[in-house]
Amino acid sequence: METIFQKEWDYTFSKNGNNKFILSVVCGSIALFEVDIILNQEEINRYNEDGEKFISSLAKTIREKPENWGIKKN
């Protein structure tokens, strides 16, 4: 896996061997966990337009509501 860029304790944006873009976002407060998503074509297009600014915004959105990406809150 190739890391494109990362912000420590925030997110890592990378590309795997199948040319899929993956965003791994650190979530939680007391207990930390990561939410990993594979970017869809719309998100890839936005990344190509806005670069790291879009990825940072998407990471924030994921962190605020990880349940929207299949993570169940207790």
C-alpha atoms as a PDB file:
ATOM      1  CA  MET A   1       0.000   0.000   0.000  1.00  0.00           C
ATOM      2  CA  GLU A   2       1.306   3.445  -0.935  1.00  0.00           C
ATOM      3  CA  THR A   3       0.679   6.305   1.495  1.00  0.00           C
ATOM      4  CA  ILE A   4      -0.201   9.451  -0.434  1.00  0.00           C
ATOM      5  CA  PHE A   5      -0.317  11.689   2.648  1.00  0.00           C
ATOM      6  CA  GLN A   6      -1.303  11.523   6.275  1.00  0.00           C
ATOM      7  CA  LYS A   7      -1.975  13.612   9.336  1.00  0.00           C
ATOM      8  CA  GLU A   8      -0.829  11.834  12.457  1.00  0.00           C
ATOM      9  CA  TRP A   9      -3.679  10.925  14.845  1.00  0.00           C
ATOM     10  CA  ASP A  10      -6.129  12.154  12.199  1.00  0.00           C
ATOM     11  CA  TYR A  11      -6.125  10.155   8.959  1.00  0.00           C
ATOM     12  CA  THR A  12      -4.061   8.313   6.359  1.00  0.00           C
ATOM     13  CA  PHE A  13      -4.864   8.542   2.670  1.00  0.00           C
ATOM     14  CA  SER A  14      -3.387   5.778   0.541  1.00  0.00           C
ATOM     15  CA  LYS A  15      -3.688   3.712  -2.605  1.00  0.00           C
ATOM     16  CA  ASN A  16      -3.624  -0.084  -2.565  1.00  0.00           C
ATOM     17  CA  GLY A  17      -2.251  -2.535  -5.127  1.00  0.00           C
ATOM     18  CA  ASN A  18      -5.603  -2.588  -6.943  1.00  0.00           C
ATOM     19  CA  ASN A  19      -5.450   1.193  -7.483  1.00  0.00           C
ATOM     20  CA  LYS A  20      -8.228   1.813  -4.951  1.00  0.00           C
ATOM     21  CA  PHE A  21      -7.977   4.976  -2.837  1.00  0.00           C
ATOM     22  CA  ILE A  22      -8.415   4.265   0.873  1.00  0.00           C
ATOM     23  CA  LEU A  23      -9.051   6.765   3.642  1.00  0.00           C
ATOM     24  CA  SER A  24      -8.381   5.535   7.192  1.00  0.00           C
ATOM     25  CA  VAL A  25      -9.758   7.937   9.795  1.00  0.00           C
ATOM     26  CA  VAL A  26      -8.981   7.842  13.514  1.00  0.00           C
ATOM     27  CA  CYS A  27     -12.238   8.157  15.470  1.00  0.00           C
ATOM     28  CA  GLY A  28     -13.343   8.050  19.082  1.00  0.00           C
ATOM     29  CA  SER A  29     -12.396   9.797  22.285  1.00  0.00           C
ATOM     30  CA  ILE A  30     -11.708   7.411  25.150  1.00  0.00           C
ATOM     31  CA  ALA A  31     -11.372   4.373  22.917  1.00  0.00           C
ATOM     32  CA  LEU A  32      -9.826   5.032  19.518  1.00  0.00           C
ATOM     33  CA  PHE A  33     -10.702   3.093  16.391  1.00  0.00           C
ATOM     34  CA  GLU A  34     -10.187   3.505  12.673  1.00  0.00           C
ATOM     35  CA  VAL A  35     -12.816   3.753   9.983  1.00  0.00           C
ATOM     36  CA  ASP A  36     -11.506   2.666   6.586  1.00  0.00           C
ATOM     37  CA  ILE A  37     -13.386   3.563   3.428  1.00  0.00           C
ATOM     38  CA  ILE A  38     -12.661   2.985  -0.226  1.00  0.00           C
ATOM     39  CA  LEU A  39     -13.401   6.167  -2.138  1.00  0.00           C
ATOM     40  CA  ASN A  40     -16.164   5.940  -4.730  1.00  0.00           C
ATOM     41  CA  GLN A  41     -15.869   7.607  -8.136  1.00  0.00           C
ATOM     42  CA  GLU A  42     -17.551  10.824  -6.999  1.00  0.00           C
ATOM     43  CA  GLU A  43     -15.142  11.128  -4.066  1.00  0.00           C
ATOM     44  CA  ILE A  44     -12.181  10.417  -6.354  1.00  0.00           C
ATOM     45  CA  ASN A  45     -13.355  13.170  -8.689  1.00  0.00           C
ATOM     46  CA  ARG A  46     -13.607  15.588  -5.754  1.00  0.00           C
ATOM     47  CA  TYR A  47     -10.110  14.567  -4.618  1.00  0.00           C
ATOM     48  CA  ASN A  48      -8.781  15.204  -8.131  1.00  0.00           C
ATOM     49  CA  GLU A  49     -10.365  18.688  -8.057  1.00  0.00           C
ATOM     50  CA  ASP A  50      -9.588  19.797  -4.485  1.00  0.00           C
ATOM     51  CA  GLY A  51      -6.759  17.497  -3.329  1.00  0.00           C
ATOM     52  CA  GLU A  52      -5.885  17.270   0.340  1.00  0.00           C
ATOM     53  CA  LYS A  53      -8.498  19.884   1.272  1.00  0.00           C
ATOM     54  CA  PHE A  54     -11.277  17.496   0.212  1.00  0.00           C
ATOM     55  CA  ILE A  55      -9.709  14.529   2.016  1.00  0.00           C
ATOM     56  CA  SER A  56      -9.414  16.534   5.256  1.00  0.00           C
ATOM     57  CA  SER A  57     -13.050  17.560   4.957  1.00  0.00           C
ATOM     58  CA  LEU A  58     -14.173  13.985   4.282  1.00  0.00           C
ATOM     59  CA  ALA A  59     -12.139  12.720   7.259  1.00  0.00           C
ATOM     60  CA  LYS A  60     -13.860  15.274   9.502  1.00  0.00           C
ATOM     61  CA  THR A  61     -17.281  14.188   8.230  1.00  0.00           C
ATOM     62  CA  ILE A  62     -16.453  10.524   8.897  1.00  0.00           C
ATOM     63  CA  ARG A  63     -15.133  11.285  12.393  1.00  0.00           C
ATOM     64  CA  GLU A  64     -18.283  13.232  13.317  1.00  0.00           C
ATOM     65  CA  LYS A  65     -20.671  10.438  12.246  1.00  0.00           C
ATOM     66  CA  PRO A  66     -18.814   7.127  11.830  1.00  0.00           C
ATOM     67  CA  GLU A  67     -22.164   5.305  11.932  1.00  0.00           C
ATOM     68  CA  ASN A  68     -22.826   6.651   8.426  1.00  0.00           C
ATOM     69  CA  TRP A  69     -19.972   4.434   7.265  1.00  0.00           C
ATOM     70  CA  GLY A  70     -21.173   1.216   8.881  1.00  0.00           C
ATOM     71  CA  ILE A  71     -19.744   1.770  12.376  1.00  0.00           C
ATOM     72  CA  LYS A  72     -22.195   1.177  15.195  1.00  0.00           C
ATOM     73  CA  LYS A  73     -22.051   3.463  18.220  1.00  0.00           C
ATOM     74  CA  ASN A  74     -22.749   1.954  21.641  1.00  0.00           C
END
